Amino acid sequence: MVIILLGPPGVGKGTQGVLLSEALGWERLVTGDLLRAARREGTELGERAREYMDRGDLVPDEIIIGLVGERLRGLEPGQSVLFDGFPRTLPQAKALGAALPEVGRAVDGVVLFEAPDDVLVKRIGGRRSCPECGRVYNVYFDAPDLEDVCGDCGAALVHRSDDQPETVLHRLTVYREQTEPLVRYYGEEGTPLLRIEADRSPVEVRDALKVELTARLGVEG
């Protein structure tokens, strides 16, 4: 089974991808991880990707799809897969749809995580990161005991540039322009769409998702 996780930045799809893959024993595919692994291992596709990454350019879709195909061919035939954060654009979705039959697979369902914009802005814009130990706080939901000070190591917390409210709003705009059209695309393809309200705790979202997967797609576990 192949499931795609979609949703705007800050909606928690990465967290749900980890929780679901651990609960069901599914393979979670994150293209960033595939790129880093291929680059580290020095594969042919990894070396091609390195040229773009070293220049700070986006890696072409054909290389991403090639890495995805390699990974899928290395899995057991019965291993179910979660695509977390990919595809992001219509061309990527079409390329993935063309590549999956080559490895005997197809997209079985799409999960769309949804939450109000103000919640998303707070989730991302409220983040404060520790540059020393890596702990992440949120001034709205999980604030440190001392303002802007890490409770674990005492280092000064930082507010990353991509977590600034104006940057978050831009990321949401990009999502709506580039990724939201995938909902219509998969609908026209006849792919089951599972809408999940993500303005809840991670455990509540996970449980709701498992119920939907069982009811709509017959997933057990």
N, C-alpha and C. Protein backbone atom coordinates (compact mmCIF):
# COMPACT_ATOMS: atom_id res chain seq x y z
N MET A 1 0.83 -1.19 0.00
CA MET A 1 0.00 0.00 0.00
C MET A 1 0.87 1.25 0.00
N VAL A 2 0.45 2.26 -0.74
CA VAL A 2 1.18 3.53 -0.82
C VAL A 2 0.23 4.64 -0.40
N ILE A 3 0.61 5.38 0.64
CA ILE A 3 -0.19 6.49 1.14
C ILE A 3 0.65 7.76 1.09
N ILE A 4 0.04 8.86 0.65
CA ILE A 4 0.71 10.16 0.60
C ILE A 4 0.13 11.06 1.69
N LEU A 5 1.02 11.67 2.46
CA LEU A 5 0.61 12.61 3.50
C LEU A 5 0.77 14.02 2.98
N LEU A 6 -0.33 14.78 2.95
CA LEU A 6 -0.30 16.17 2.50
C LEU A 6 -0.77 17.08 3.63
N GLY A 7 -0.38 18.35 3.53
CA GLY A 7 -0.83 19.34 4.50
C GLY A 7 0.12 20.51 4.53
N PRO A 8 -0.35 21.66 5.00
CA PRO A 8 0.46 22.87 5.03
C PRO A 8 1.58 22.76 6.05
N PRO A 9 2.59 23.63 5.96
CA PRO A 9 3.66 23.64 6.96
C PRO A 9 3.10 23.91 8.35
N GLY A 10 3.59 23.16 9.33
CA GLY A 10 3.14 23.35 10.70
C GLY A 10 1.94 22.51 11.08
N VAL A 11 1.39 21.75 10.14
CA VAL A 11 0.17 20.98 10.44
C VAL A 11 0.48 19.70 11.20
N GLY A 12 1.77 19.28 11.18
CA GLY A 12 2.16 18.10 11.95
C GLY A 12 2.23 16.80 11.16
N LYS A 13 2.30 16.89 9.83
CA LYS A 13 2.32 15.66 9.03
C LYS A 13 3.60 14.86 9.26
N GLY A 14 4.72 15.55 9.53
CA GLY A 14 5.95 14.83 9.82
C GLY A 14 5.84 14.01 11.09
N THR A 15 5.25 14.63 12.12
CA THR A 15 5.03 13.92 13.39
C THR A 15 4.12 12.72 13.17
N GLN A 16 3.05 12.91 12.41
CA GLN A 16 2.12 11.81 12.16
C GLN A 16 2.75 10.73 11.30
N GLY A 17 3.63 11.12 10.39
CA GLY A 17 4.32 10.13 9.58
C GLY A 17 5.16 9.21 10.45
N VAL A 18 5.86 9.79 11.42
CA VAL A 18 6.69 8.99 12.34
C VAL A 18 5.81 8.10 13.20
N LEU A 19 4.75 8.67 13.80
CA LEU A 19 3.87 7.89 14.68
C LEU A 19 3.22 6.74 13.93
N LEU A 20 2.74 7.02 12.72
CA LEU A 20 2.04 5.99 11.96
C LEU A 20 2.99 4.90 11.48
N SER A 21 4.15 5.29 11.01
CA SER A 21 5.10 4.28 10.54
C SER A 21 5.55 3.37 11.68
N GLU A 22 5.71 3.94 12.88
CA GLU A 22 6.10 3.13 14.03
C GLU A 22 4.96 2.21 14.46
N ALA A 23 3.72 2.73 14.42
CA ALA A 23 2.57 1.94 14.88
C ALA A 23 2.25 0.79 13.93
N LEU A 24 2.42 1.02 12.63
CA LEU A 24 2.01 0.02 11.64
C LEU A 24 3.17 -0.74 11.02
N GLY A 25 4.40 -0.28 11.29
CA GLY A 25 5.55 -0.93 10.69
C GLY A 25 5.72 -0.61 9.22
N TRP A 26 5.23 0.56 8.80
CA TRP A 26 5.35 0.97 7.41
C TRP A 26 6.66 1.71 7.17
N GLU A 27 7.09 1.71 5.93
CA GLU A 27 8.28 2.46 5.53
C GLU A 27 7.89 3.92 5.29
N ARG A 28 8.59 4.83 5.95
CA ARG A 28 8.33 6.27 5.77
C ARG A 28 9.40 6.84 4.85
N LEU A 29 8.97 7.36 3.72
CA LEU A 29 9.91 7.91 2.75
C LEU A 29 9.87 9.43 2.78
N VAL A 30 11.01 10.02 3.11
CA VAL A 30 11.19 11.47 3.12
C VAL A 30 12.29 11.77 2.11
N THR A 31 11.97 12.54 1.08
CA THR A 31 12.93 12.71 -0.01
C THR A 31 14.22 13.37 0.45
N GLY A 32 14.13 14.26 1.45
CA GLY A 32 15.36 14.87 1.97
C GLY A 32 16.30 13.82 2.53
N ASP A 33 15.74 12.83 3.24
CA ASP A 33 16.55 11.74 3.78
C ASP A 33 17.17 10.91 2.66
N LEU A 34 16.39 10.66 1.60
CA LEU A 34 16.91 9.89 0.47
C LEU A 34 18.07 10.63 -0.20
N LEU A 35 17.93 11.94 -0.36
CA LEU A 35 18.98 12.74 -0.97
C LEU A 35 20.27 12.70 -0.14
N ARG A 36 20.12 12.89 1.16
CA ARG A 36 21.31 12.89 2.03
C ARG A 36 21.99 11.53 2.04
N ALA A 37 21.19 10.46 2.04
CA ALA A 37 21.77 9.12 2.05
C ALA A 37 22.50 8.82 0.74
N ALA A 38 21.89 9.19 -0.37
CA ALA A 38 22.52 8.94 -1.67
C ALA A 38 23.80 9.75 -1.83
N ARG A 39 23.78 10.97 -1.32
CA ARG A 39 24.98 11.80 -1.38
C ARG A 39 26.07 11.21 -0.50
N ARG A 40 25.70 10.76 0.69
CA ARG A 40 26.67 10.19 1.62
C ARG A 40 27.29 8.91 1.07
N GLU A 41 26.46 8.10 0.39
CA GLU A 41 26.92 6.82 -0.13
C GLU A 41 27.61 6.95 -1.48
N GLY A 42 27.51 8.12 -2.10
CA GLY A 42 28.19 8.36 -3.36
C GLY A 42 27.61 7.60 -4.54
N THR A 43 26.31 7.34 -4.52
CA THR A 43 25.68 6.66 -5.65
C THR A 43 25.66 7.59 -6.87
N GLU A 44 25.33 7.01 -8.03
CA GLU A 44 25.30 7.83 -9.25
C GLU A 44 24.30 8.97 -9.11
N LEU A 45 23.10 8.65 -8.64
CA LEU A 45 22.11 9.69 -8.45
C LEU A 45 22.52 10.65 -7.35
N GLY A 46 23.19 10.12 -6.33
CA GLY A 46 23.67 10.97 -5.25
C GLY A 46 24.69 11.99 -5.73
N GLU A 47 25.57 11.57 -6.62
CA GLU A 47 26.57 12.49 -7.17
C GLU A 47 25.92 13.54 -8.06
N ARG A 48 24.90 13.13 -8.81
CA ARG A 48 24.18 14.10 -9.64
C ARG A 48 23.46 15.12 -8.75
N ALA A 49 22.87 14.63 -7.67
CA ALA A 49 22.17 15.52 -6.74
C ALA A 49 23.15 16.47 -6.05
N ARG A 50 24.35 15.97 -5.75
CA ARG A 50 25.34 16.78 -5.04
C ARG A 50 25.66 18.07 -5.80
N GLU A 51 25.73 17.99 -7.12
CA GLU A 51 26.07 19.17 -7.92
C GLU A 51 25.06 20.29 -7.68
N TYR A 52 23.79 19.94 -7.61
CA TYR A 52 22.75 20.95 -7.38
C TYR A 52 22.76 21.43 -5.93
N MET A 53 22.90 20.48 -5.00
CA MET A 53 22.86 20.82 -3.58
C MET A 53 24.03 21.71 -3.20
N ASP A 54 25.20 21.46 -3.77
CA ASP A 54 26.38 22.28 -3.46
C ASP A 54 26.23 23.70 -3.96
N ARG A 55 25.44 23.88 -5.02
CA ARG A 55 25.20 25.22 -5.55
C ARG A 55 24.03 25.90 -4.86
N GLY A 56 23.33 25.14 -4.03
CA GLY A 56 22.14 25.68 -3.37
C GLY A 56 20.91 25.67 -4.25
N ASP A 57 20.96 24.90 -5.34
CA ASP A 57 19.82 24.83 -6.25
C ASP A 57 18.90 23.66 -5.86
N LEU A 58 17.65 23.72 -6.32
CA LEU A 58 16.72 22.62 -6.12
C LEU A 58 17.15 21.43 -6.97
N VAL A 59 17.07 20.25 -6.41
CA VAL A 59 17.40 19.03 -7.14
C VAL A 59 16.25 18.74 -8.10
N PRO A 60 16.53 18.50 -9.39
CA PRO A 60 15.46 18.25 -10.37
C PRO A 60 14.57 17.06 -9.98
N ASP A 61 13.32 17.16 -10.39
CA ASP A 61 12.35 16.11 -10.06
C ASP A 61 12.80 14.75 -10.57
N GLU A 62 13.45 14.70 -11.73
CA GLU A 62 13.82 13.40 -12.30
C GLU A 62 14.80 12.66 -11.39
N ILE A 63 15.66 13.40 -10.70
CA ILE A 63 16.59 12.76 -9.77
C ILE A 63 15.85 12.28 -8.53
N ILE A 64 14.94 13.11 -8.03
CA ILE A 64 14.14 12.72 -6.86
C ILE A 64 13.36 11.45 -7.17
N ILE A 65 12.69 11.41 -8.32
CA ILE A 65 11.90 10.25 -8.69
C ILE A 65 12.80 9.03 -8.84
N GLY A 66 13.99 9.23 -9.38
CA GLY A 66 14.95 8.13 -9.51
C GLY A 66 15.33 7.55 -8.16
N LEU A 67 15.56 8.42 -7.18
CA LEU A 67 15.89 7.96 -5.82
C LEU A 67 14.72 7.22 -5.19
N VAL A 68 13.52 7.74 -5.41
CA VAL A 68 12.32 7.08 -4.87
C VAL A 68 12.19 5.68 -5.48
N GLY A 69 12.39 5.58 -6.78
CA GLY A 69 12.30 4.28 -7.44
C GLY A 69 13.32 3.29 -6.92
N GLU A 70 14.54 3.76 -6.71
CA GLU A 70 15.58 2.90 -6.16
C GLU A 70 15.18 2.37 -4.78
N ARG A 71 14.66 3.26 -3.95
CA ARG A 71 14.28 2.84 -2.60
C ARG A 71 13.14 1.84 -2.63
N LEU A 72 12.14 2.10 -3.48
CA LEU A 72 11.00 1.19 -3.55
C LEU A 72 11.40 -0.18 -4.07
N ARG A 73 12.33 -0.22 -5.02
CA ARG A 73 12.78 -1.52 -5.54
C ARG A 73 13.52 -2.32 -4.48
N GLY A 74 14.07 -1.62 -3.48
CA GLY A 74 14.79 -2.31 -2.42
C GLY A 74 13.91 -2.82 -1.30
N LEU A 75 12.62 -2.53 -1.34
CA LEU A 75 11.70 -2.96 -0.29
C LEU A 75 11.09 -4.31 -0.62
N GLU A 76 10.65 -5.00 0.42
CA GLU A 76 9.90 -6.24 0.21
C GLU A 76 8.58 -5.89 -0.48
N PRO A 77 8.09 -6.77 -1.36
CA PRO A 77 6.86 -6.47 -2.11
C PRO A 77 5.66 -6.12 -1.23
N GLY A 78 5.57 -6.71 -0.05
CA GLY A 78 4.42 -6.46 0.81
C GLY A 78 4.59 -5.30 1.77
N GLN A 79 5.71 -4.57 1.67
CA GLN A 79 5.98 -3.46 2.58
C GLN A 79 5.18 -2.23 2.19
N SER A 80 4.32 -1.76 3.08
CA SER A 80 3.55 -0.55 2.81
C SER A 80 4.42 0.69 3.01
N VAL A 81 4.05 1.78 2.33
CA VAL A 81 4.90 2.96 2.28
C VAL A 81 4.08 4.22 2.55
N LEU A 82 4.68 5.13 3.33
CA LEU A 82 4.15 6.47 3.54
C LEU A 82 5.07 7.47 2.86
N PHE A 83 4.52 8.30 1.99
CA PHE A 83 5.28 9.41 1.42
C PHE A 83 4.99 10.64 2.27
N ASP A 84 6.01 11.13 2.94
CA ASP A 84 5.87 12.25 3.87
C ASP A 84 6.48 13.51 3.25
N GLY A 85 5.62 14.43 2.82
CA GLY A 85 6.12 15.68 2.24
C GLY A 85 6.48 15.59 0.78
N PHE A 86 6.08 14.55 0.12
CA PHE A 86 6.32 14.38 -1.32
C PHE A 86 5.17 13.56 -1.89
N PRO A 87 4.64 13.95 -3.04
CA PRO A 87 5.02 15.09 -3.89
C PRO A 87 4.53 16.42 -3.34
N ARG A 88 5.18 17.49 -3.79
CA ARG A 88 4.80 18.85 -3.37
C ARG A 88 4.16 19.65 -4.50
N THR A 89 4.39 19.21 -5.73
CA THR A 89 3.88 19.95 -6.89
C THR A 89 3.16 18.99 -7.84
N LEU A 90 2.38 19.56 -8.73
CA LEU A 90 1.65 18.75 -9.71
C LEU A 90 2.60 17.96 -10.61
N PRO A 91 3.67 18.57 -11.14
CA PRO A 91 4.61 17.77 -11.95
C PRO A 91 5.21 16.60 -11.17
N GLN A 92 5.51 16.80 -9.89
CA GLN A 92 6.04 15.70 -9.08
C GLN A 92 5.01 14.59 -8.92
N ALA A 93 3.75 14.97 -8.70
CA ALA A 93 2.69 13.98 -8.54
C ALA A 93 2.53 13.15 -9.82
N LYS A 94 2.56 13.81 -10.96
CA LYS A 94 2.41 13.10 -12.23
C LYS A 94 3.61 12.19 -12.48
N ALA A 95 4.82 12.67 -12.16
CA ALA A 95 6.02 11.85 -12.35
C ALA A 95 5.99 10.63 -11.43
N LEU A 96 5.54 10.83 -10.19
CA LEU A 96 5.44 9.71 -9.25
C LEU A 96 4.41 8.70 -9.75
N GLY A 97 3.27 9.21 -10.24
CA GLY A 97 2.23 8.32 -10.76
C GLY A 97 2.71 7.48 -11.93
N ALA A 98 3.61 8.05 -12.75
CA ALA A 98 4.15 7.31 -13.89
C ALA A 98 5.20 6.30 -13.46
N ALA A 99 5.92 6.61 -12.36
CA ALA A 99 7.03 5.75 -11.92
C ALA A 99 6.57 4.58 -11.07
N LEU A 100 5.50 4.73 -10.32
CA LEU A 100 5.08 3.68 -9.39
C LEU A 100 4.74 2.35 -10.08
N PRO A 101 4.03 2.37 -11.22
CA PRO A 101 3.74 1.08 -11.86
C PRO A 101 4.99 0.29 -12.24
N GLU A 102 6.12 0.98 -12.45
CA GLU A 102 7.35 0.29 -12.81
C GLU A 102 7.87 -0.58 -11.67
N VAL A 103 7.43 -0.28 -10.45
CA VAL A 103 7.83 -1.10 -9.30
C VAL A 103 6.61 -1.82 -8.72
N GLY A 104 5.56 -1.95 -9.54
CA GLY A 104 4.39 -2.71 -9.13
C GLY A 104 3.55 -2.06 -8.06
N ARG A 105 3.52 -0.73 -8.03
CA ARG A 105 2.76 -0.02 -7.00
C ARG A 105 1.91 1.08 -7.61
N ALA A 106 1.00 1.61 -6.79
CA ALA A 106 0.17 2.75 -7.18
C ALA A 106 -0.22 3.48 -5.90
N VAL A 107 -0.66 4.72 -6.03
CA VAL A 107 -1.11 5.48 -4.86
C VAL A 107 -2.48 4.95 -4.43
N ASP A 108 -2.57 4.46 -3.19
CA ASP A 108 -3.81 3.88 -2.68
C ASP A 108 -4.67 4.89 -1.92
N GLY A 109 -4.06 5.95 -1.42
CA GLY A 109 -4.82 6.93 -0.67
C GLY A 109 -3.99 8.16 -0.37
N VAL A 110 -4.68 9.27 -0.14
CA VAL A 110 -4.04 10.53 0.21
C VAL A 110 -4.66 11.03 1.51
N VAL A 111 -3.80 11.38 2.46
CA VAL A 111 -4.26 11.94 3.73
C VAL A 111 -3.98 13.43 3.72
N LEU A 112 -5.01 14.23 3.93
CA LEU A 112 -4.86 15.68 3.98
C LEU A 112 -5.09 16.15 5.41
N PHE A 113 -4.02 16.64 6.05
CA PHE A 113 -4.11 17.19 7.40
C PHE A 113 -4.47 18.67 7.27
N GLU A 114 -5.46 19.11 8.05
CA GLU A 114 -5.94 20.49 7.95
C GLU A 114 -5.98 21.14 9.33
N ALA A 115 -5.67 22.44 9.37
CA ALA A 115 -5.76 23.23 10.60
C ALA A 115 -5.88 24.69 10.20
N PRO A 116 -6.52 25.52 11.05
CA PRO A 116 -6.66 26.96 10.74
C PRO A 116 -5.30 27.65 10.63
N ASP A 117 -5.24 28.69 9.82
CA ASP A 117 -3.99 29.42 9.62
C ASP A 117 -3.41 29.95 10.92
N ASP A 118 -4.27 30.46 11.83
CA ASP A 118 -3.72 31.04 13.05
C ASP A 118 -3.03 29.98 13.90
N VAL A 119 -3.52 28.75 13.86
CA VAL A 119 -2.86 27.66 14.58
C VAL A 119 -1.51 27.34 13.94
N LEU A 120 -1.48 27.30 12.62
CA LEU A 120 -0.24 27.00 11.91
C LEU A 120 0.82 28.06 12.18
N VAL A 121 0.40 29.32 12.16
CA VAL A 121 1.34 30.41 12.42
C VAL A 121 1.92 30.31 13.83
N LYS A 122 1.07 29.96 14.81
CA LYS A 122 1.55 29.82 16.18
C LYS A 122 2.49 28.63 16.32
N ARG A 123 2.16 27.54 15.65
CA ARG A 123 3.00 26.35 15.75
C ARG A 123 4.39 26.59 15.20
N ILE A 124 4.47 27.30 14.07
CA ILE A 124 5.78 27.54 13.46
C ILE A 124 6.41 28.82 14.00
N GLY A 125 5.64 29.91 14.00
CA GLY A 125 6.19 31.20 14.44
C GLY A 125 6.55 31.23 15.91
N GLY A 126 5.94 30.33 16.70
CA GLY A 126 6.24 30.30 18.13
C GLY A 126 7.43 29.45 18.50
N ARG A 127 8.04 28.82 17.52
CA ARG A 127 9.16 27.92 17.82
C ARG A 127 10.41 28.70 18.21
N ARG A 128 11.09 28.19 19.21
CA ARG A 128 12.39 28.70 19.62
C ARG A 128 13.33 27.50 19.75
N SER A 129 14.48 27.58 19.12
CA SER A 129 15.38 26.43 19.05
C SER A 129 16.66 26.68 19.83
N CYS A 130 17.17 25.62 20.44
CA CYS A 130 18.45 25.70 21.14
C CYS A 130 19.57 25.31 20.20
N PRO A 131 20.51 26.21 19.94
CA PRO A 131 21.59 25.89 19.00
C PRO A 131 22.61 24.91 19.58
N GLU A 132 22.56 24.68 20.90
CA GLU A 132 23.54 23.81 21.54
C GLU A 132 23.06 22.36 21.62
N CYS A 133 21.90 22.14 22.23
CA CYS A 133 21.43 20.77 22.43
C CYS A 133 20.33 20.36 21.45
N GLY A 134 19.79 21.33 20.70
CA GLY A 134 18.81 21.01 19.68
C GLY A 134 17.37 20.97 20.15
N ARG A 135 17.12 21.21 21.44
CA ARG A 135 15.74 21.17 21.91
C ARG A 135 14.92 22.31 21.29
N VAL A 136 13.66 22.02 21.01
CA VAL A 136 12.77 23.02 20.41
C VAL A 136 11.62 23.30 21.36
N TYR A 137 11.37 24.58 21.62
CA TYR A 137 10.25 25.02 22.45
C TYR A 137 9.23 25.73 21.58
N ASN A 138 8.09 26.05 22.19
CA ASN A 138 7.10 26.89 21.52
C ASN A 138 6.53 27.85 22.55
N VAL A 139 6.61 29.14 22.26
CA VAL A 139 6.21 30.15 23.25
C VAL A 139 4.72 30.10 23.55
N TYR A 140 3.94 29.45 22.68
CA TYR A 140 2.50 29.35 22.90
C TYR A 140 2.10 28.03 23.57
N PHE A 141 2.79 26.95 23.24
CA PHE A 141 2.35 25.64 23.70
C PHE A 141 3.33 24.94 24.64
N ASP A 142 4.60 25.29 24.59
CA ASP A 142 5.61 24.61 25.40
C ASP A 142 6.75 25.59 25.69
N ALA A 143 6.43 26.65 26.40
CA ALA A 143 7.40 27.73 26.64
C ALA A 143 8.46 27.28 27.65
N PRO A 144 9.70 27.79 27.50
CA PRO A 144 10.74 27.49 28.50
C PRO A 144 10.42 28.19 29.82
N ASP A 145 10.96 27.66 30.91
CA ASP A 145 10.72 28.27 32.22
C ASP A 145 11.26 29.70 32.27
N LEU A 146 12.45 29.89 31.67
CA LEU A 146 13.03 31.23 31.56
C LEU A 146 12.94 31.68 30.11
N GLU A 147 12.43 32.88 29.89
CA GLU A 147 12.23 33.35 28.53
C GLU A 147 13.53 33.33 27.73
N ASP A 148 13.47 32.71 26.56
CA ASP A 148 14.58 32.64 25.62
C ASP A 148 15.82 31.94 26.18
N VAL A 149 15.65 31.07 27.17
CA VAL A 149 16.77 30.31 27.73
C VAL A 149 16.40 28.83 27.73
N CYS A 150 17.28 27.98 27.21
CA CYS A 150 17.02 26.55 27.16
C CYS A 150 17.06 25.97 28.58
N GLY A 151 16.03 25.25 28.95
CA GLY A 151 15.96 24.66 30.27
C GLY A 151 16.86 23.46 30.44
N ASP A 152 17.37 22.89 29.33
CA ASP A 152 18.22 21.72 29.40
C ASP A 152 19.70 22.07 29.54
N CYS A 153 20.15 23.08 28.77
CA CYS A 153 21.59 23.37 28.79
C CYS A 153 21.92 24.83 29.12
N GLY A 154 20.90 25.68 29.22
CA GLY A 154 21.14 27.07 29.60
C GLY A 154 21.55 27.99 28.46
N ALA A 155 21.59 27.48 27.23
CA ALA A 155 21.98 28.31 26.09
C ALA A 155 20.84 29.24 25.70
N ALA A 156 21.20 30.34 25.03
CA ALA A 156 20.19 31.28 24.54
C ALA A 156 19.45 30.67 23.36
N LEU A 157 18.12 30.71 23.40
CA LEU A 157 17.32 30.18 22.31
C LEU A 157 17.31 31.15 21.13
N VAL A 158 17.10 30.61 19.95
CA VAL A 158 17.08 31.43 18.75
C VAL A 158 15.74 31.27 18.04
N HIS A 159 15.33 32.34 17.37
CA HIS A 159 14.12 32.33 16.55
C HIS A 159 14.59 32.30 15.11
N ARG A 160 14.55 31.13 14.47
CA ARG A 160 15.10 30.98 13.13
C ARG A 160 14.38 31.87 12.13
N SER A 161 15.11 32.27 11.09
CA SER A 161 14.52 33.18 10.10
C SER A 161 13.32 32.55 9.39
N ASP A 162 13.36 31.23 9.15
CA ASP A 162 12.24 30.60 8.46
C ASP A 162 11.06 30.34 9.39
N ASP A 163 11.21 30.69 10.67
CA ASP A 163 10.10 30.58 11.62
C ASP A 163 9.46 31.94 11.92
N GLN A 164 9.95 33.00 11.29
CA GLN A 164 9.38 34.32 11.50
C GLN A 164 7.96 34.36 10.91
N PRO A 165 7.02 35.07 11.57
CA PRO A 165 5.63 35.07 11.11
C PRO A 165 5.46 35.43 9.63
N GLU A 166 6.21 36.43 9.15
CA GLU A 166 6.04 36.83 7.75
C GLU A 166 6.52 35.72 6.81
N THR A 167 7.57 34.98 7.24
CA THR A 167 8.06 33.87 6.43
C THR A 167 7.06 32.72 6.43
N VAL A 168 6.44 32.50 7.58
CA VAL A 168 5.43 31.44 7.69
C VAL A 168 4.26 31.72 6.75
N LEU A 169 3.81 32.95 6.72
CA LEU A 169 2.70 33.31 5.84
C LEU A 169 3.07 33.10 4.37
N HIS A 170 4.32 33.41 4.04
CA HIS A 170 4.78 33.17 2.66
C HIS A 170 4.78 31.67 2.36
N ARG A 171 5.23 30.87 3.31
CA ARG A 171 5.26 29.42 3.11
C ARG A 171 3.84 28.88 2.92
N LEU A 172 2.89 29.42 3.63
CA LEU A 172 1.50 29.00 3.47
C LEU A 172 0.98 29.37 2.08
N THR A 173 1.37 30.55 1.59
CA THR A 173 0.97 30.96 0.25
C THR A 173 1.55 30.03 -0.81
N VAL A 174 2.83 29.69 -0.65
CA VAL A 174 3.47 28.77 -1.59
C VAL A 174 2.78 27.41 -1.57
N TYR A 175 2.43 26.95 -0.38
CA TYR A 175 1.72 25.67 -0.25
C TYR A 175 0.40 25.70 -1.03
N ARG A 176 -0.35 26.76 -0.87
CA ARG A 176 -1.66 26.84 -1.53
C ARG A 176 -1.51 26.92 -3.06
N GLU A 177 -0.45 27.56 -3.51
CA GLU A 177 -0.25 27.70 -4.94
C GLU A 177 0.28 26.41 -5.57
N GLN A 178 1.18 25.71 -4.85
CA GLN A 178 1.89 24.59 -5.46
C GLN A 178 1.38 23.22 -5.03
N THR A 179 0.96 23.09 -3.77
CA THR A 179 0.63 21.76 -3.25
C THR A 179 -0.87 21.49 -3.14
N GLU A 180 -1.65 22.50 -2.78
CA GLU A 180 -3.10 22.27 -2.67
C GLU A 180 -3.73 21.73 -3.96
N PRO A 181 -3.24 22.14 -5.15
CA PRO A 181 -3.82 21.58 -6.37
C PRO A 181 -3.74 20.06 -6.45
N LEU A 182 -2.86 19.44 -5.66
CA LEU A 182 -2.75 17.98 -5.68
C LEU A 182 -4.03 17.32 -5.15
N VAL A 183 -4.74 18.02 -4.26
CA VAL A 183 -5.99 17.46 -3.73
C VAL A 183 -6.97 17.23 -4.87
N ARG A 184 -7.11 18.22 -5.73
CA ARG A 184 -8.01 18.08 -6.89
C ARG A 184 -7.48 17.03 -7.85
N TYR A 185 -6.18 17.03 -8.07
CA TYR A 185 -5.57 16.08 -9.01
C TYR A 185 -5.86 14.64 -8.60
N TYR A 186 -5.61 14.32 -7.34
CA TYR A 186 -5.84 12.95 -6.90
C TYR A 186 -7.34 12.62 -6.85
N GLY A 187 -8.15 13.64 -6.58
CA GLY A 187 -9.59 13.42 -6.63
C GLY A 187 -10.04 13.03 -8.03
N GLU A 188 -9.50 13.71 -9.03
CA GLU A 188 -9.85 13.39 -10.42
C GLU A 188 -9.32 12.03 -10.83
N GLU A 189 -8.23 11.60 -10.17
CA GLU A 189 -7.67 10.28 -10.44
C GLU A 189 -8.48 9.18 -9.76
N GLY A 190 -9.41 9.57 -8.89
CA GLY A 190 -10.21 8.59 -8.17
C GLY A 190 -9.53 8.03 -6.93
N THR A 191 -8.47 8.68 -6.48
CA THR A 191 -7.75 8.23 -5.29
C THR A 191 -8.50 8.64 -4.03
N PRO A 192 -8.74 7.72 -3.10
CA PRO A 192 -9.43 8.08 -1.85
C PRO A 192 -8.71 9.20 -1.11
N LEU A 193 -9.46 10.19 -0.65
CA LEU A 193 -8.91 11.32 0.11
C LEU A 193 -9.45 11.27 1.53
N LEU A 194 -8.54 11.24 2.49
CA LEU A 194 -8.91 11.21 3.90
C LEU A 194 -8.57 12.56 4.51
N ARG A 195 -9.57 13.30 4.93
CA ARG A 195 -9.35 14.61 5.55
C ARG A 195 -9.29 14.45 7.07
N ILE A 196 -8.22 14.94 7.67
CA ILE A 196 -8.01 14.80 9.11
C ILE A 196 -7.85 16.17 9.75
N GLU A 197 -8.69 16.47 10.74
CA GLU A 197 -8.54 17.71 11.48
C GLU A 197 -7.31 17.61 12.39
N ALA A 198 -6.33 18.45 12.14
CA ALA A 198 -5.05 18.34 12.84
C ALA A 198 -4.89 19.35 13.97
N ASP A 199 -5.95 20.09 14.28
CA ASP A 199 -5.89 21.05 15.38
C ASP A 199 -6.21 20.34 16.70
N ARG A 200 -5.45 19.28 16.96
CA ARG A 200 -5.60 18.47 18.16
C ARG A 200 -4.23 17.97 18.58
N SER A 201 -4.18 17.26 19.69
CA SER A 201 -2.90 16.71 20.13
C SER A 201 -2.43 15.67 19.13
N PRO A 202 -1.11 15.43 19.06
CA PRO A 202 -0.58 14.44 18.13
C PRO A 202 -1.21 13.05 18.30
N VAL A 203 -1.46 12.65 19.54
CA VAL A 203 -2.05 11.33 19.78
C VAL A 203 -3.48 11.28 19.27
N GLU A 204 -4.25 12.35 19.49
CA GLU A 204 -5.63 12.39 19.00
C GLU A 204 -5.67 12.35 17.48
N VAL A 205 -4.75 13.07 16.84
CA VAL A 205 -4.69 13.06 15.38
C VAL A 205 -4.32 11.67 14.88
N ARG A 206 -3.33 11.06 15.53
CA ARG A 206 -2.92 9.71 15.12
C ARG A 206 -4.07 8.73 15.21
N ASP A 207 -4.82 8.78 16.33
CA ASP A 207 -5.93 7.85 16.51
C ASP A 207 -7.02 8.08 15.47
N ALA A 208 -7.31 9.35 15.17
CA ALA A 208 -8.32 9.66 14.15
C ALA A 208 -7.87 9.15 12.78
N LEU A 209 -6.59 9.29 12.50
CA LEU A 209 -6.06 8.83 11.23
C LEU A 209 -6.16 7.31 11.11
N LYS A 210 -5.83 6.58 12.17
CA LYS A 210 -5.91 5.13 12.13
C LYS A 210 -7.34 4.66 11.91
N VAL A 211 -8.30 5.35 12.53
CA VAL A 211 -9.71 5.01 12.34
C VAL A 211 -10.10 5.19 10.87
N GLU A 212 -9.68 6.31 10.27
CA GLU A 212 -10.01 6.59 8.88
C GLU A 212 -9.34 5.58 7.94
N LEU A 213 -8.08 5.25 8.23
CA LEU A 213 -7.37 4.29 7.38
C LEU A 213 -8.05 2.92 7.42
N THR A 214 -8.54 2.55 8.59
CA THR A 214 -9.23 1.27 8.71
C THR A 214 -10.57 1.30 7.98
N ALA A 215 -11.34 2.37 8.20
CA ALA A 215 -12.68 2.47 7.62
C ALA A 215 -12.65 2.64 6.10
N ARG A 216 -11.72 3.46 5.61
CA ARG A 216 -11.72 3.80 4.19
C ARG A 216 -10.85 2.87 3.35
N LEU A 217 -9.74 2.40 3.93
CA LEU A 217 -8.78 1.63 3.14
C LEU A 217 -8.54 0.22 3.65
N GLY A 218 -9.18 -0.13 4.77
CA GLY A 218 -9.03 -1.48 5.28
C GLY A 218 -7.70 -1.77 5.93
N VAL A 219 -7.02 -0.72 6.38
CA VAL A 219 -5.72 -0.90 7.04
C VAL A 219 -5.94 -1.47 8.42
N GLU A 220 -5.18 -2.50 8.78
CA GLU A 220 -5.29 -3.10 10.09
C GLU A 220 -4.07 -2.74 10.93
N GLY A 221 -4.30 -2.61 12.24
CA GLY A 221 -3.17 -2.32 13.12
C GLY A 221 -3.46 -1.14 14.02
